[in-house]
Protein backbone atom coordinates (compact mmCIF):
# COMPACT_ATOMS: atom_id res chain seq x y z
CA MET A 1 118.72 131.06 97.31
CA LYS A 2 119.16 127.73 95.61
CA GLU A 3 118.60 124.44 97.40
CA ILE A 4 121.04 121.57 96.76
CA ASN A 5 120.91 118.23 98.62
CA GLY A 6 118.44 119.63 101.13
CA ARG A 7 120.73 122.57 101.98
CA LYS A 8 120.29 126.19 100.96
CA GLN A 9 123.17 127.55 98.96
CA GLY A 10 124.17 131.17 99.18
CA THR A 11 126.36 133.14 101.54
CA SER A 12 126.15 130.49 104.27
CA LEU A 13 125.45 126.76 104.24
CA SER A 14 122.54 125.47 106.24
CA PRO A 15 123.66 122.18 107.75
CA CYS A 16 121.64 119.02 107.21
CA ALA A 17 119.62 117.64 110.13
CA ALA A 18 122.38 115.15 110.98
CA CYS A 19 125.16 117.70 111.14
CA LYS A 20 122.94 120.10 113.05
CA LEU A 21 122.13 117.45 115.68
CA LEU A 22 125.76 116.32 115.87
CA ARG A 23 126.87 119.98 116.08
CA ARG A 24 129.39 119.73 113.30
CA ARG A 25 130.09 121.57 110.10
CA CYS A 26 128.20 120.10 107.14
CA ALA A 27 130.68 119.41 104.34
CA GLN A 28 129.75 119.67 100.67
CA ASP A 29 130.08 115.87 100.31
CA CYS A 30 128.15 115.04 103.53
CA VAL A 31 126.68 111.55 103.20
CA PHE A 32 123.69 112.50 105.38
CA ALA A 33 122.64 115.70 103.55
CA PRO A 34 120.64 114.15 100.68
CA TYR A 35 118.60 111.96 103.04
CA PHE A 36 118.22 114.04 106.21
CA PRO A 37 117.29 117.59 105.16
CA ALA A 38 117.44 120.43 107.66
CA ASP A 39 113.66 120.83 107.66
CA GLU A 40 113.11 117.24 108.90
CA PRO A 41 115.26 116.97 112.05
CA HIS A 42 113.01 114.33 113.64
CA LYS A 43 114.02 111.77 110.98
CA PHE A 44 117.70 111.82 111.89
CA ALA A 45 117.02 112.20 115.60
CA SER A 46 115.13 108.90 115.78
CA VAL A 47 117.61 107.09 113.51
CA HIS A 48 120.53 108.41 115.56
CA LYS A 49 118.85 107.39 118.81
CA VAL A 50 118.36 103.79 117.65
CA PHE A 51 121.31 103.09 115.34
CA GLY A 52 123.89 105.75 116.13
CA ALA A 53 125.37 108.23 113.66
CA SER A 54 128.54 106.21 113.09
CA ASN A 55 126.63 103.04 112.17
CA VAL A 56 124.28 104.94 109.85
CA ASN A 57 127.29 106.58 108.20
CA LYS A 58 128.93 103.17 107.65
CA MET A 59 125.74 101.64 106.28
CA LEU A 60 125.19 104.47 103.83
CA GLN A 61 128.78 104.46 102.60
CA GLU A 62 128.71 100.69 101.99
CA LEU A 63 125.61 100.94 99.80
CA PRO A 64 125.47 102.06 96.17
CA GLU A 65 123.92 105.53 95.84
CA GLN A 66 120.77 104.25 94.13
CA GLN A 67 119.94 102.09 97.20
CA ARG A 68 120.65 104.66 99.90
CA SER A 69 117.28 106.38 99.76
CA ASP A 70 115.45 103.08 100.34
CA ALA A 71 117.85 102.19 103.14
CA VAL A 72 117.23 105.53 104.85
CA SER A 73 113.46 105.05 104.54
CA SER A 74 113.79 101.60 106.13
CA MET A 75 116.01 102.91 108.93
CA VAL A 76 113.58 105.76 109.68
CA TYR A 77 110.65 103.33 109.75
CA GLU A 78 112.48 100.86 111.99
CA ALA A 79 113.75 103.64 114.27
CA ASN A 80 110.25 105.08 114.71
CA ALA A 81 108.90 101.61 115.41
CA ARG A 82 111.69 100.98 117.96
CA VAL A 83 110.90 104.25 119.72
CA ARG A 84 107.24 103.17 120.04
CA ASP A 85 108.03 99.51 120.85
CA PRO A 86 111.63 99.07 122.05
CA VAL A 87 111.42 95.28 122.26
CA TYR A 88 109.79 94.26 118.97
CA GLY A 89 110.11 97.34 116.76
CA CYS A 90 108.52 96.95 113.33
CA VAL A 91 108.14 93.20 113.87
CA GLY A 92 105.55 94.01 116.54
CA ALA A 93 103.68 96.23 114.10
CA ILE A 94 103.81 93.55 111.39
CA SER A 95 102.61 90.91 113.86
CA SER A 96 99.74 93.12 114.96
CA LEU A 97 98.70 93.72 111.36
CA GLN A 98 98.90 89.97 110.65
CA GLN A 99 96.60 89.26 113.60
CA GLN A 100 94.13 91.85 112.29
CA ILE A 101 94.22 90.17 108.87
CA ASP A 102 93.53 86.77 110.46
CA VAL A 103 90.56 88.13 112.43
CA LEU A 104 89.12 89.88 109.36
CA GLN A 105 89.56 86.76 107.21
CA THR A 106 87.69 84.73 109.83
CA GLN A 107 84.89 87.31 109.95
CA LEU A 108 84.71 87.29 106.14
CA ALA A 109 84.50 83.48 106.05
CA ILE A 110 81.68 83.51 108.63
CA ALA A 111 79.79 86.19 106.68
CA GLN A 112 80.20 84.25 103.42
CA ALA A 113 78.97 81.06 105.10
CA GLU A 114 75.92 82.91 106.45
CA VAL A 115 75.14 84.26 102.97
CA VAL A 116 75.31 80.73 101.55
CA HIS A 117 73.10 79.49 104.37
CA MET A 118 70.52 82.21 103.69
CA ARG A 119 70.54 81.42 99.98
CA MET A 120 70.03 77.74 100.71
CA ARG A 121 67.07 78.60 102.95
CA GLN A 122 65.65 80.78 100.19
CA PHE A 123 65.91 77.95 97.65
CA PRO A 124 65.45 74.60 99.38
CA SER A 125 66.81 71.54 97.58
CA SER A 126 63.31 70.34 96.63
CA SER A 127 62.79 73.37 94.38
CA CYS A 128 66.15 72.81 92.72
CA ASN A 129 65.12 69.38 91.30
CA LEU A 130 64.57 69.72 87.58
CA THR A 131 62.41 67.27 85.73
CA ILE A 132 63.93 67.38 82.29
CA GLY A 133 61.65 66.76 79.34
CA HIS A 134 58.33 66.77 81.21
CA SER A 135 57.29 70.30 80.39
CA PRO A 136 56.53 71.82 77.01
CA GLU A 137 59.13 74.56 77.51
CA THR A 138 62.00 72.07 77.61
CA ALA A 139 61.09 70.16 74.45
CA SER A 140 62.55 71.36 71.20
CA PRO A 141 60.94 70.89 67.78
CA SER A 142 63.53 68.25 66.94
CA GLY A 143 62.58 66.23 70.00
CA LYS A 144 65.87 66.86 71.83
CA MET A 145 65.84 68.17 75.37
CA ASN A 146 66.45 71.89 75.87
CA ILE A 147 67.10 73.18 79.37
CA PRO A 148 66.09 76.83 79.55
CA ALA A 149 68.63 79.29 80.87
CA PRO A 150 67.54 80.71 84.21
CA ASN A 151 66.52 84.35 84.22
CA LYS A 152 68.37 84.96 87.48
CA SER A 153 71.37 83.35 89.08
CA TYR A 154 70.59 81.38 92.22
CA PHE A 155 73.33 83.35 93.92
CA SER A 156 72.44 86.92 93.07
CA MET A 157 72.08 89.31 96.00
CA ASP A 158 68.44 90.09 95.02
CA MET A 159 67.45 86.69 96.32
CA VAL A 160 68.73 87.16 99.84
CA ASP A 161 65.94 87.09 102.40
CA HIS A 162 66.38 90.56 103.89
CA ASP A 163 63.84 89.88 106.68
CA ASN A 164 66.07 87.16 108.19
CA MET A 165 69.36 88.91 107.44
CA GLY A 166 70.28 89.28 111.10
CA GLU A 167 69.97 85.56 111.87
CA SER A 168 73.15 83.67 112.42
CA LEU A 169 74.18 80.62 110.44
CA TRP A 170 73.88 78.57 113.58
CA SER A 171 70.32 79.58 114.46
CA SER A 172 67.57 76.99 114.01
CA CYS A 173 65.35 77.06 110.92
C-alpha cells in the first residue's frame, strides 16, 4: 500500500487522526490529513481539546500551505503546554526557562569572580611591578628597552591554586 498525506491508499482510506477523532469520513482534500497523521492521534487530540477543530480548520485554511506545518507545530506545542499548565501555557515554560538562565548566569558570574580572586591571590600586585631597564635581559644592544614576552599568561588555568580552590571569594586571606 502507498502512503499519501499520512493516509494509506489502497482498497480503503485510513482516516487522519483528526477525522478519526471527529468520527467523520476523511476526504481526499482534508486540510488536517497532511499535519495530523493517523499514527499520531495524540497530536490532534491535544490541539482539539485546547483550540477546537473548527478553529484549527479556520486557521489552517487562512494560511498559505508553506506556513501550515509551522503553524501546526506551534499549535501542538501550545496545546501540550496548556494541558500541563492551563493558566500560563507555554509562557509559563518560557518564564521558567528564563529564571533558570538568570540563576545560571549569576552562578557563572560568581564562579568567574572567584577565579579572578584566586588568580590575584596567586600573583599579588607587588610581583606584577616591572622595573624596566634595570636588568640585563631587558636591555637591547642598541640601548633601547626591550620588555620580554612572558612565557605564560597570568590568566592561564595552570596558575590556579588548586589547594585553595574550594575557598569562596568572600573568605578572608
